[in-house]
Amino acid sequence: MRITINYEASWRNSFLDGSNNEPLPRDGRKFVGSMTTLGKRDSQGGYSNFIKRDITQDTVMGILNRLIGDQRKLYQSRQCPNYFFADLEPNITFKDQQDKSKPIISEMVYIRNMEGNTDQNSFTGMIKANDPVFSSDYSSVFWGVLTLDIENLCRFIDDSDYKVLSAEQFDPISVLQKLDELNKLKAIDLETVKDTLATLRKCLPDAAYKIADEKIKPIELYCSALYLQIFRLSQNHDVSQALTKNGGIAGISKRGFTPKDFMDRYTTGSKKPIWGNPYQLKERRKGEGEVVTLLTKANGTLDIHLDIPEEKSQQLKNMIDAAGVSSFYLGKKGLAYVDVIR
């Protein structure tokens, strides 16, 4: 018996991890189609979250079950004692033929954000520039730490009597801009700040600094210095309103900062949701530069061959006719339909 299926625009990528051949996790299969997830390298240096899919034996068995009206997941059908194809699967083969006039194409597809992720660098609502952390008598001295050059920053950290002299007026946007500038500074040799880092580790033992190739990024020192300064100021000022419930600085850790969390405290609105993102993988390849890989769609014909007894084949045809499935997805999305049953 041969069943010929024509299909168009069959998506050959997946946005979910895991497999349909196993029970769903309690929280469902994880969405891996966001921009940050797609560009994340695995332990082998590849991009395992950019998942490519081809037609497999399981795909074919899923189609056959769909054609006879069984809409359960394939592993559920196989567990059923009355599974129609229980003894027939070893005798089922297939041949996938791509349509040469409509080859596999790459297409930009926009994926909706179903997890409620928020934009890392955006905010909503009005800015609260009169927040105590910006309008108190210690505000200029506190944020003034960010205006120090690296040499004076080290002096400030090492010497508890060092006074930050700053009359500059700060607001959420100016602080964020300053943090962004500092974040772009290149990593410096660890040897040049060895004593300063030792002081920070003594004062802030829970800060796990990221050191690579005997270098450290200055932004880590600046963020730690803010925590050091707020502690020193607390000896003579009431800084409780400048801190979060956990005693931290909103949006700023001891070794970095997150714009959306920082602005979430100093605006009247909530974090700005991401409504979706293009499904694409950008990677840099040696000798090629930046390479962009998009979602692929395929058109073609799937021939399913069933080496089964005539009685079984007639029974299968009758079940397909009775189910009356006109069209269905082949893999992910696309359009597929039965063309001929012989």
Protein backbone atom coordinates (compact mmCIF):
# COMPACT_ATOMS: atom_id res chain seq x y z
CA MET A 1 0.00 0.00 0.00
CA ARG A 2 1.23 3.50 -0.80
CA ILE A 3 -0.11 6.79 0.54
CA THR A 4 1.09 9.93 -1.25
CA ILE A 5 0.92 13.21 0.66
CA ASN A 6 1.54 16.62 -0.83
CA TYR A 7 2.68 19.41 1.44
CA GLU A 8 3.55 23.09 1.22
CA ALA A 9 5.35 25.53 3.53
CA SER A 10 6.19 22.86 6.11
CA TRP A 11 8.19 24.56 8.86
CA ARG A 12 11.50 22.82 9.51
CA ASN A 13 12.31 24.45 12.85
CA SER A 14 10.99 24.07 16.39
CA PHE A 15 10.51 26.68 19.12
CA LEU A 16 10.14 24.21 22.01
CA ASP A 17 12.67 21.99 23.72
CA GLY A 18 11.99 18.38 24.64
CA SER A 19 9.97 15.99 22.50
CA ASN A 20 6.38 15.06 21.74
CA ASN A 21 7.39 11.44 22.35
CA GLU A 22 7.41 11.92 26.11
CA PRO A 23 4.91 13.18 28.70
CA LEU A 24 4.67 16.94 29.06
CA PRO A 25 6.62 18.45 31.99
CA ARG A 26 4.48 20.01 34.70
CA ASP A 27 5.14 23.52 33.35
CA GLY A 28 5.00 22.46 29.71
CA ARG A 29 7.81 22.37 27.16
CA LYS A 30 10.10 25.37 27.39
CA PHE A 31 9.96 28.06 24.70
CA VAL A 32 13.44 28.49 23.18
CA GLY A 33 12.61 30.88 20.35
CA SER A 34 13.51 34.17 22.06
CA MET A 35 16.47 36.16 20.74
CA THR A 36 18.53 35.67 23.91
CA THR A 37 17.89 31.91 23.94
CA LEU A 38 18.61 31.40 20.25
CA GLY A 39 22.01 33.08 20.52
CA LYS A 40 23.11 31.09 23.57
CA ARG A 41 25.98 28.67 22.96
CA ASP A 42 25.97 25.21 24.55
CA SER A 43 28.89 23.38 26.12
CA GLN A 44 30.01 22.16 22.67
CA GLY A 45 30.07 25.69 21.29
CA GLY A 46 26.99 25.20 19.10
CA TYR A 47 23.53 26.73 19.14
CA SER A 48 21.35 23.87 20.36
CA ASN A 49 18.28 26.11 20.84
CA PHE A 50 18.08 26.80 17.10
CA ILE A 51 16.35 23.47 16.48
CA LYS A 52 16.08 22.04 12.96
CA ARG A 53 13.42 19.44 12.19
CA ASP A 54 13.18 16.87 9.39
CA ILE A 55 10.58 14.25 8.54
CA THR A 56 11.29 11.12 10.56
CA GLN A 57 9.63 7.76 11.15
CA ASP A 58 7.80 9.27 14.11
CA THR A 59 6.50 12.05 11.85
CA VAL A 60 5.10 9.44 9.48
CA MET A 61 3.48 7.44 12.28
CA GLY A 62 1.96 10.61 13.66
CA ILE A 63 0.47 11.39 10.25
CA LEU A 64 -1.00 7.89 9.86
CA ASN A 65 -2.61 8.10 13.29
CA ARG A 66 -3.98 11.54 12.43
CA LEU A 67 -5.47 10.19 9.17
CA ILE A 68 -7.47 7.52 11.01
CA GLY A 69 -8.83 10.11 13.44
CA ASP A 70 -6.48 9.53 16.40
CA GLN A 71 -5.46 12.99 17.67
CA ARG A 72 -3.52 11.85 20.72
CA LYS A 73 0.22 12.33 20.97
CA LEU A 74 2.14 9.49 19.35
CA TYR A 75 3.57 8.11 22.61
CA GLN A 76 0.03 7.97 24.02
CA SER A 77 -1.26 6.07 21.00
CA ARG A 78 1.63 3.60 21.20
CA GLN A 79 0.83 2.90 24.86
CA CYS A 80 -2.75 1.97 24.01
CA PRO A 81 -3.38 -1.83 23.96
CA ASN A 82 -5.51 -1.41 20.82
CA TYR A 83 -2.89 0.60 18.92
CA PHE A 84 -3.69 -0.13 15.25
CA PHE A 85 -0.09 0.04 14.02
CA ALA A 86 1.42 -1.96 16.90
CA ASP A 87 2.64 -4.83 14.66
CA LEU A 88 2.81 -2.80 11.44
CA GLU A 89 5.41 -0.11 12.23
CA PRO A 90 8.46 -2.22 11.19
CA ASN A 91 6.88 -2.62 7.72
CA ILE A 92 6.31 1.09 7.14
CA THR A 93 8.88 3.16 5.21
CA PHE A 94 8.79 6.58 3.59
CA LYS A 95 10.46 8.75 0.99
CA ASP A 96 10.49 12.53 1.24
CA GLN A 97 10.89 14.24 -2.13
CA GLN A 98 11.49 17.97 -2.22
CA ASP A 99 9.68 19.92 -4.93
CA LYS A 100 12.46 21.14 -7.23
CA SER A 101 10.30 23.97 -8.53
CA LYS A 102 9.68 25.13 -4.96
CA PRO A 103 12.87 24.33 -3.04
CA ILE A 104 13.43 24.83 0.68
CA ILE A 105 13.25 28.55 1.38
CA SER A 106 14.39 30.71 4.26
CA GLU A 107 11.85 33.18 5.58
CA MET A 108 11.77 35.82 8.29
CA VAL A 109 9.05 34.87 10.77
CA TYR A 110 7.99 36.97 13.75
CA ILE A 111 7.35 34.90 16.88
CA ARG A 112 4.94 36.13 19.56
CA ASN A 113 6.26 36.32 23.11
CA MET A 114 4.19 33.81 25.06
CA GLU A 115 6.22 33.91 28.29
CA GLY A 116 5.69 37.56 29.23
CA ASN A 117 9.36 38.50 28.91
CA THR A 118 10.18 42.19 29.32
CA ASP A 119 12.49 44.49 27.39
CA GLN A 120 15.91 44.74 29.05
CA ASN A 121 16.43 48.40 28.11
CA SER A 122 12.96 49.98 28.09
CA PHE A 123 10.41 51.24 30.60
CA THR A 124 6.88 52.62 30.77
CA GLY A 125 5.29 55.51 32.68
CA MET A 126 6.63 58.81 33.94
CA ILE A 127 10.08 59.14 35.49
CA LYS A 128 10.19 59.84 39.24
CA ALA A 129 13.19 62.17 39.36
CA ASN A 130 12.18 63.36 42.85
CA ASP A 131 12.80 59.96 44.43
CA PRO A 132 14.78 60.31 47.70
CA VAL A 133 17.83 58.64 46.19
CA PHE A 134 18.09 61.58 43.74
CA SER A 135 16.78 64.45 45.88
CA SER A 136 18.45 63.90 49.26
CA ASP A 137 21.41 65.85 50.61
CA TYR A 138 23.66 62.83 50.06
CA SER A 139 22.52 62.10 46.47
CA SER A 140 25.31 63.94 44.65
CA VAL A 141 27.98 62.31 46.80
CA PHE A 142 26.39 58.88 46.38
CA TRP A 143 26.02 58.89 42.59
CA GLY A 144 29.21 60.93 42.25
CA VAL A 145 31.13 57.66 42.61
CA LEU A 146 30.23 56.98 38.97
CA THR A 147 32.08 60.13 37.84
CA LEU A 148 35.45 59.03 39.26
CA ASP A 149 38.16 57.79 36.94
CA ILE A 150 39.52 54.33 37.64
CA GLU A 151 42.51 55.62 39.60
CA ASN A 152 40.39 57.72 41.97
CA LEU A 153 37.82 54.94 42.18
CA CYS A 154 40.50 52.63 43.56
CA ARG A 155 41.56 55.33 46.03
CA PHE A 156 37.96 55.71 47.15
CA ILE A 157 37.56 51.96 47.71
CA ASP A 158 40.86 51.54 49.53
CA ASP A 159 40.53 54.65 51.73
CA SER A 160 37.38 54.89 53.85
CA ASP A 161 38.15 58.58 54.50
CA TYR A 162 38.21 59.48 50.81
CA LYS A 163 35.62 62.17 50.07
CA VAL A 164 33.74 62.22 46.79
CA LEU A 165 33.38 65.83 45.67
CA SER A 166 30.46 66.24 43.31
CA ALA A 167 27.81 68.93 42.92
CA GLU A 168 26.20 67.29 39.88
CA GLN A 169 22.46 66.73 39.99
CA PHE A 170 21.48 63.18 39.01
CA ASP A 171 18.24 61.67 37.78
CA PRO A 172 17.33 58.12 36.67
CA ILE A 173 18.18 58.74 33.01
CA SER A 174 21.55 60.39 33.65
CA VAL A 175 22.54 57.58 36.05
CA LEU A 176 21.52 54.95 33.52
CA GLN A 177 23.49 56.70 30.79
CA LYS A 178 26.55 56.86 33.03
CA LEU A 179 26.26 53.17 33.90
CA ASP A 180 25.95 52.34 30.21
CA GLU A 181 29.13 54.30 29.44
CA LEU A 182 31.03 52.52 32.20
CA ASN A 183 29.72 49.17 31.01
CA LYS A 184 31.39 49.75 27.63
CA LEU A 185 34.85 50.24 29.14
CA LYS A 186 37.31 47.50 28.26
CA ALA A 187 38.45 45.01 30.88
CA ILE A 188 41.58 46.02 32.79
CA ASP A 189 44.48 43.91 34.04
CA LEU A 190 43.81 42.35 37.39
CA GLU A 191 47.29 43.24 38.60
CA THR A 192 46.53 46.98 38.43
CA VAL A 193 43.57 46.66 40.84
CA LYS A 194 44.75 43.71 42.92
CA ASP A 195 44.74 45.58 46.25
CA THR A 196 41.38 47.23 45.48
CA LEU A 197 39.79 43.89 44.65
CA ALA A 198 41.13 42.45 47.90
CA THR A 199 39.47 45.33 49.80
CA LEU A 200 36.15 44.73 48.04
CA ARG A 201 36.24 41.01 48.76
CA LYS A 202 36.79 41.80 52.41
CA CYS A 203 33.96 44.38 52.57
CA LEU A 204 31.59 42.55 50.20
CA PRO A 205 32.33 38.83 50.64
CA ASP A 206 29.19 37.73 48.78
CA ALA A 207 30.20 39.44 45.51
CA ALA A 208 31.46 36.83 43.01
CA TYR A 209 33.51 38.85 40.56
CA LYS A 210 33.87 37.57 37.03
CA ILE A 211 37.53 37.36 36.05
CA ALA A 212 38.61 36.17 32.61
CA ASP A 213 42.18 36.02 31.29
CA GLU A 214 43.39 37.84 34.38
CA LYS A 215 41.17 40.82 33.55
CA ILE A 216 38.10 42.38 35.16
CA LYS A 217 35.53 44.79 33.77
CA PRO A 218 35.52 48.24 35.47
CA ILE A 219 31.70 48.22 35.74
CA GLU A 220 32.00 45.55 38.45
CA LEU A 221 34.21 47.83 40.53
CA TYR A 222 31.91 50.84 40.07
CA CYS A 223 28.80 48.91 41.09
CA SER A 224 30.55 47.53 44.17
CA ALA A 225 31.75 51.05 45.00
CA LEU A 226 28.11 52.24 45.07
CA TYR A 227 27.35 49.64 47.73
CA LEU A 228 30.44 50.67 49.63
CA GLN A 229 29.39 54.33 49.45
CA ILE A 230 25.81 53.72 50.57
CA PHE A 231 27.18 51.85 53.59
CA ARG A 232 29.55 54.70 54.48
CA LEU A 233 26.78 57.29 54.03
CA SER A 234 24.44 55.29 56.26
CA GLN A 235 26.70 56.17 59.21
CA ASN A 236 25.56 59.83 59.03
CA HIS A 237 22.40 59.77 56.87
CA ASP A 238 19.11 57.93 56.73
CA VAL A 239 19.47 56.02 53.44
CA SER A 240 16.65 53.54 54.05
CA GLN A 241 14.45 55.08 51.35
CA ALA A 242 17.21 54.64 48.79
CA LEU A 243 17.33 50.89 49.32
CA THR A 244 15.02 48.04 48.39
CA LYS A 245 13.30 45.83 50.95
CA ASN A 246 16.25 43.46 50.72
CA GLY A 247 18.72 46.24 51.45
CA GLY A 248 20.04 46.51 47.89
CA ILE A 249 20.13 49.25 45.27
CA ALA A 250 17.29 48.78 42.79
CA GLY A 251 18.48 47.36 39.47
CA ILE A 252 22.14 47.41 40.54
CA SER A 253 24.00 44.43 41.94
CA LYS A 254 27.50 44.41 43.37
CA ARG A 255 28.92 43.57 39.94
CA GLY A 256 26.48 44.88 37.34
CA PHE A 257 23.14 46.48 36.55
CA THR A 258 19.87 45.72 34.75
CA PRO A 259 18.23 48.76 33.09
CA LYS A 260 14.65 47.43 33.23
CA ASP A 261 14.89 46.67 36.97
CA PHE A 262 16.53 50.03 37.67
CA MET A 263 13.84 52.01 35.83
CA ASP A 264 11.04 49.87 37.23
CA ARG A 265 11.61 51.51 40.65
CA TYR A 266 11.91 55.05 39.34
CA THR A 267 8.92 55.17 36.96
CA THR A 268 5.17 55.18 37.50
CA GLY A 269 4.58 52.36 35.00
CA SER A 270 5.53 48.69 34.89
CA LYS A 271 8.22 46.91 32.89
CA LYS A 272 7.70 47.03 29.14
CA PRO A 273 6.64 43.66 27.70
CA ILE A 274 8.26 42.27 24.55
CA TRP A 275 5.53 41.39 22.09
CA GLY A 276 7.70 39.08 20.04
CA ASN A 277 10.91 38.73 18.10
CA PRO A 278 12.14 37.59 14.68
CA TYR A 279 13.15 33.94 14.59
CA GLN A 280 16.75 34.17 13.47
CA LEU A 281 20.18 33.07 14.57
CA LYS A 282 23.11 35.46 14.18
CA GLU A 283 26.54 33.92 14.52
CA ARG A 284 30.06 34.86 13.57
CA ARG A 285 31.94 32.27 11.55
CA LYS A 286 35.63 32.36 10.90
CA GLY A 287 36.30 33.50 7.36
CA GLU A 288 32.62 34.33 6.74
CA GLY A 289 31.81 37.08 9.24
CA GLU A 290 28.27 37.37 10.56
CA VAL A 291 25.92 34.71 9.23
CA VAL A 292 22.15 35.00 9.70
CA THR A 293 20.09 31.79 9.66
CA LEU A 294 16.31 32.04 9.33
CA LEU A 295 13.40 29.67 9.68
CA THR A 296 13.10 27.28 6.71
CA LYS A 297 9.99 26.09 4.90
CA ALA A 298 9.81 23.10 2.57
CA ASN A 299 7.47 21.99 -0.22
CA GLY A 300 7.29 18.49 -1.61
CA THR A 301 5.78 15.02 -1.62
CA LEU A 302 5.87 12.37 1.07
CA ASP A 303 5.42 8.77 -0.12
CA ILE A 304 4.54 6.35 2.68
CA HIS A 305 4.98 2.65 1.81
CA LEU A 306 3.18 0.04 3.90
CA ASP A 307 4.22 -3.58 3.36
CA ILE A 308 1.14 -5.04 5.06
CA PRO A 309 -1.48 -7.70 4.24
CA GLU A 310 -4.22 -6.74 1.81
CA GLU A 311 -6.88 -7.19 4.47
CA LYS A 312 -5.10 -4.72 6.78
CA SER A 313 -4.55 -2.22 3.97
CA GLN A 314 -8.25 -2.28 3.06
CA GLN A 315 -9.16 -1.80 6.72
CA LEU A 316 -6.74 1.13 6.94
CA LYS A 317 -8.19 2.76 3.82
CA ASN A 318 -11.72 2.42 5.20
CA MET A 319 -10.63 4.04 8.48
CA ILE A 320 -9.00 6.93 6.59
CA ASP A 321 -12.15 7.44 4.50
CA ALA A 322 -14.34 7.33 7.62
CA ALA A 323 -12.20 9.89 9.48
CA GLY A 324 -12.40 12.30 6.51
CA VAL A 325 -9.31 14.33 7.41
CA SER A 326 -9.04 16.91 4.64
CA SER A 327 -5.83 18.73 5.59
CA PHE A 328 -3.36 18.80 8.45
CA TYR A 329 0.01 20.13 9.57
CA LEU A 330 3.13 18.30 8.52
CA GLY A 331 5.48 18.83 11.41
CA LYS A 332 5.09 22.45 12.45
CA LYS A 333 2.58 24.56 10.48
CA GLY A 334 2.28 24.39 6.71
CA LEU A 335 -0.42 22.59 4.74
CA ALA A 336 -0.53 18.87 3.94
CA TYR A 337 -3.19 16.63 2.40
CA VAL A 338 -3.57 13.10 1.02
CA ASP A 339 -3.20 13.08 -2.74
CA VAL A 340 -3.44 9.40 -3.64
CA ILE A 341 -3.96 6.10 -1.84
CA ARG A 342 -2.95 3.06 -3.87
